Amino acid sequence: MRVIAGKYKGRRLETVADNSVRPATDKVKGAIFNVLQSRVDWTNANVLDLYAGSGSIGIEALSRGAKKCIFVEKSRNAFQFLTANVKQLEADPTTHVVYGDVDVFLESIKSKFTVVFADPPYALETLKLLPNKIFETGIVANDGYLVIEHPSRFEFVPSSLWEVAVLKVYGNTSVSFFQHKK
């Protein structure tokens, strides 16, 4: 796995060898950032990477110039790789790595984020509630985006809080880009 663009382009990232984490493929990662390229001013962006795994999505945002990124991961094994990846890129000053549960983290955070990435386990029982939970916290900036990678067969229940701005499908993987309902 590698960083595909920006100041860390080509740098290799390490990840868990087993299937306990599902890193975004270069194709999906490239598609995510192609969609956001014209929508986000990365130099002023604060990013949150939930279910961060090895951190490849948040690191990609930092590589493209994001001002700050907070990573949240509860797997001890993945957290060790995430911490090592941030250290080897010397990205420490622009990052905060949190070991813990996403739900607990969301209950305590009060900051606003330009982009919130979430790549939860596909079997997450509360997946359908995730967009509402995140928008209800108020952490997505008014002009910000929530980006969730999820199974293609999955559909989120519409809400008065958000709308899907873009939906991309790549085989068994879909990426939904949510924004505040206008």
Protein backbone atom coordinates (compact mmCIF):
# COMPACT_ATOMS: atom_id res chain seq x y z
CA MET A 1 0.00 0.00 0.00
CA ARG A 2 1.33 3.44 -0.88
CA VAL A 3 0.51 7.14 -0.85
CA ILE A 4 -0.68 8.05 -4.36
CA ALA A 5 -0.22 11.84 -4.55
CA GLY A 6 1.19 14.89 -2.80
CA LYS A 7 4.25 15.39 -0.63
CA TYR A 8 4.34 11.75 0.53
CA LYS A 9 3.68 10.34 -2.96
CA GLY A 10 5.14 6.88 -3.44
CA ARG A 11 5.85 6.32 0.24
CA ARG A 12 4.93 2.83 1.40
CA LEU A 13 2.53 2.30 4.28
CA GLU A 14 2.47 -0.85 6.35
CA THR A 15 -0.74 -2.59 7.37
CA VAL A 16 -1.98 -5.61 9.26
CA ALA A 17 -1.12 -8.85 7.46
CA ASP A 18 -4.41 -10.59 8.27
CA ASN A 19 -7.88 -9.62 7.04
CA SER A 20 -8.87 -7.79 10.24
CA VAL A 21 -8.52 -4.48 8.37
CA ARG A 22 -9.56 -3.71 4.81
CA PRO A 23 -7.32 -0.92 3.48
CA ALA A 24 -8.76 1.24 0.70
CA THR A 25 -7.36 0.15 -2.64
CA ASP A 26 -5.40 2.69 -4.69
CA LYS A 27 -8.32 2.79 -7.14
CA VAL A 28 -10.88 3.64 -4.45
CA LYS A 29 -8.53 6.04 -2.68
CA GLY A 30 -7.81 7.82 -5.99
CA ALA A 31 -11.53 8.07 -6.73
CA ILE A 32 -12.26 9.55 -3.28
CA PHE A 33 -9.68 12.27 -3.74
CA ASN A 34 -10.68 12.96 -7.35
CA VAL A 35 -14.21 13.72 -6.14
CA LEU A 36 -12.96 15.94 -3.31
CA GLN A 37 -10.24 17.71 -5.34
CA SER A 38 -12.48 20.51 -6.60
CA ARG A 39 -14.63 20.61 -3.46
CA VAL A 40 -12.05 20.90 -0.67
CA ASP A 41 -9.30 23.46 -0.02
CA TRP A 42 -6.83 21.03 1.55
CA THR A 43 -4.57 23.79 2.91
CA ASN A 44 -7.34 24.79 5.34
CA ALA A 45 -8.81 21.32 5.88
CA ASN A 46 -9.16 19.62 9.23
CA VAL A 47 -9.69 15.91 8.67
CA LEU A 48 -11.05 13.11 10.84
CA ASP A 49 -10.30 9.49 9.87
CA LEU A 50 -12.66 7.12 11.73
CA TYR A 51 -12.01 3.36 11.72
CA ALA A 52 -8.60 4.46 10.45
CA GLY A 53 -6.90 1.08 10.16
CA SER A 54 -3.38 1.79 8.91
CA GLY A 55 -4.30 5.44 8.28
CA SER A 56 -3.96 5.40 4.51
CA ILE A 57 -6.94 7.72 3.84
CA GLY A 58 -6.01 10.33 6.45
CA ILE A 59 -2.35 10.16 5.43
CA GLU A 60 -3.39 10.71 1.81
CA ALA A 61 -5.26 13.86 2.93
CA LEU A 62 -2.17 15.08 4.79
CA SER A 63 -0.04 14.33 1.75
CA ARG A 64 -2.34 16.55 -0.31
CA GLY A 65 -1.91 19.40 2.15
CA ALA A 66 -4.54 18.93 4.88
CA LYS A 67 -3.75 21.12 7.87
CA LYS A 68 -4.50 18.47 10.50
CA CYS A 69 -5.80 14.92 10.78
CA ILE A 70 -7.14 13.00 13.76
CA PHE A 71 -7.12 9.21 13.39
CA VAL A 72 -9.35 6.93 15.50
CA GLU A 73 -8.75 3.17 15.64
CA LYS A 74 -9.69 0.57 18.26
CA SER A 75 -7.81 -2.49 16.98
CA ARG A 76 -4.56 -2.69 18.95
CA ASN A 77 -2.79 -4.35 16.01
CA ALA A 78 -3.97 -1.78 13.43
CA PHE A 79 -3.24 1.07 15.87
CA GLN A 80 0.41 -0.02 16.06
CA PHE A 81 0.73 0.10 12.25
CA LEU A 82 -1.10 3.44 12.12
CA THR A 83 1.24 4.97 14.72
CA ALA A 84 4.30 3.60 12.89
CA ASN A 85 3.08 4.97 9.53
CA VAL A 86 2.55 8.46 10.97
CA LYS A 87 6.00 8.37 12.58
CA GLN A 88 7.84 7.17 9.47
CA LEU A 89 6.31 10.01 7.45
CA GLU A 90 7.27 12.46 10.22
CA ALA A 91 3.68 13.72 10.12
CA ASP A 92 3.40 13.88 13.94
CA PRO A 93 2.96 17.68 14.21
CA THR A 94 -0.15 17.60 12.01
CA THR A 95 -1.73 14.50 13.50
CA HIS A 96 -3.35 13.13 16.60
CA VAL A 97 -3.75 9.35 16.83
CA VAL A 98 -6.49 8.10 19.16
CA TYR A 99 -6.69 4.53 20.37
CA GLY A 100 -10.32 3.85 21.14
CA ASP A 101 -13.88 3.19 20.08
CA VAL A 102 -15.40 5.49 17.43
CA ASP A 103 -18.74 5.79 19.27
CA VAL A 104 -17.02 6.88 22.49
CA PHE A 105 -14.84 9.33 20.55
CA LEU A 106 -17.88 10.84 18.80
CA GLU A 107 -19.53 11.48 22.17
CA SER A 108 -16.59 13.60 23.33
CA ILE A 109 -15.35 15.52 20.26
CA LYS A 110 -16.51 19.10 19.73
CA SER A 111 -14.27 20.18 16.83
CA LYS A 112 -15.51 20.81 13.27
CA PHE A 113 -13.98 18.93 10.36
CA THR A 114 -13.85 19.76 6.67
CA VAL A 115 -13.82 16.06 5.80
CA VAL A 116 -14.76 13.09 7.97
CA PHE A 117 -13.69 9.75 6.52
CA ALA A 118 -15.25 6.54 7.83
CA ASP A 119 -14.27 3.09 6.62
CA PRO A 120 -16.08 0.89 9.16
CA PRO A 121 -16.13 -2.90 9.09
CA TYR A 122 -18.69 -3.95 6.49
CA ALA A 123 -20.39 -6.09 9.15
CA LEU A 124 -20.87 -3.14 11.53
CA GLU A 125 -24.37 -3.60 12.93
CA THR A 126 -24.96 0.15 13.26
CA LEU A 127 -23.72 1.07 9.78
CA LYS A 128 -27.13 2.37 8.68
CA LEU A 129 -27.11 4.79 11.65
CA LEU A 130 -23.59 6.10 11.07
CA PRO A 131 -24.37 9.17 8.89
CA ASN A 132 -27.07 10.38 11.30
CA LYS A 133 -24.84 9.76 14.32
CA ILE A 134 -21.99 11.76 12.78
CA PHE A 135 -24.16 14.66 11.54
CA GLU A 136 -25.98 14.84 14.89
CA THR A 137 -22.67 15.47 16.67
CA GLY A 138 -22.19 18.66 14.64
CA ILE A 139 -18.60 17.77 13.71
CA VAL A 140 -19.06 18.04 9.93
CA ALA A 141 -18.40 21.67 8.97
CA ASN A 142 -21.27 23.44 7.17
CA ASP A 143 -19.46 23.12 3.84
CA GLY A 144 -17.83 19.82 4.81
CA TYR A 145 -18.22 16.22 3.73
CA LEU A 146 -18.67 12.85 5.36
CA VAL A 147 -17.18 10.09 3.20
CA ILE A 148 -18.16 6.51 4.01
CA GLU A 149 -16.81 3.39 2.30
CA HIS A 150 -19.39 0.61 2.49
CA PRO A 151 -20.65 -2.52 0.70
CA SER A 152 -22.22 -1.79 -2.70
CA ARG A 153 -25.42 -3.61 -1.83
CA PHE A 154 -25.97 -1.31 1.17
CA GLU A 155 -28.22 1.75 1.07
CA PHE A 156 -28.53 4.40 3.75
CA VAL A 157 -31.98 5.50 4.90
CA PRO A 158 -32.62 9.13 3.80
CA SER A 159 -32.45 11.79 6.49
CA SER A 160 -33.38 15.42 7.01
CA LEU A 161 -29.80 16.06 8.21
CA TRP A 162 -27.85 15.11 5.11
CA GLU A 163 -27.96 14.28 1.43
CA VAL A 164 -25.72 12.13 -0.72
CA ALA A 165 -23.78 14.49 -2.97
CA VAL A 166 -21.91 11.75 -4.85
CA LEU A 167 -22.06 7.94 -4.90
CA LYS A 168 -19.27 5.93 -6.51
CA VAL A 169 -19.44 2.15 -7.01
CA TYR A 170 -16.41 -0.10 -7.53
CA GLY A 171 -17.48 -3.73 -7.64
CA ASN A 172 -18.39 -4.77 -4.07
CA THR A 173 -17.31 -1.40 -2.67
CA SER A 174 -19.22 1.88 -2.73
CA VAL A 175 -18.21 5.29 -1.48
CA SER A 176 -20.91 7.75 -0.42
CA PHE A 177 -20.15 11.45 -0.06
CA PHE A 178 -22.60 13.10 2.34
CA GLN A 179 -23.12 16.81 2.91
CA HIS A 180 -25.52 18.88 4.98
CA LYS A 181 -28.99 18.98 3.46
CA LYS A 182 -29.55 22.28 1.71
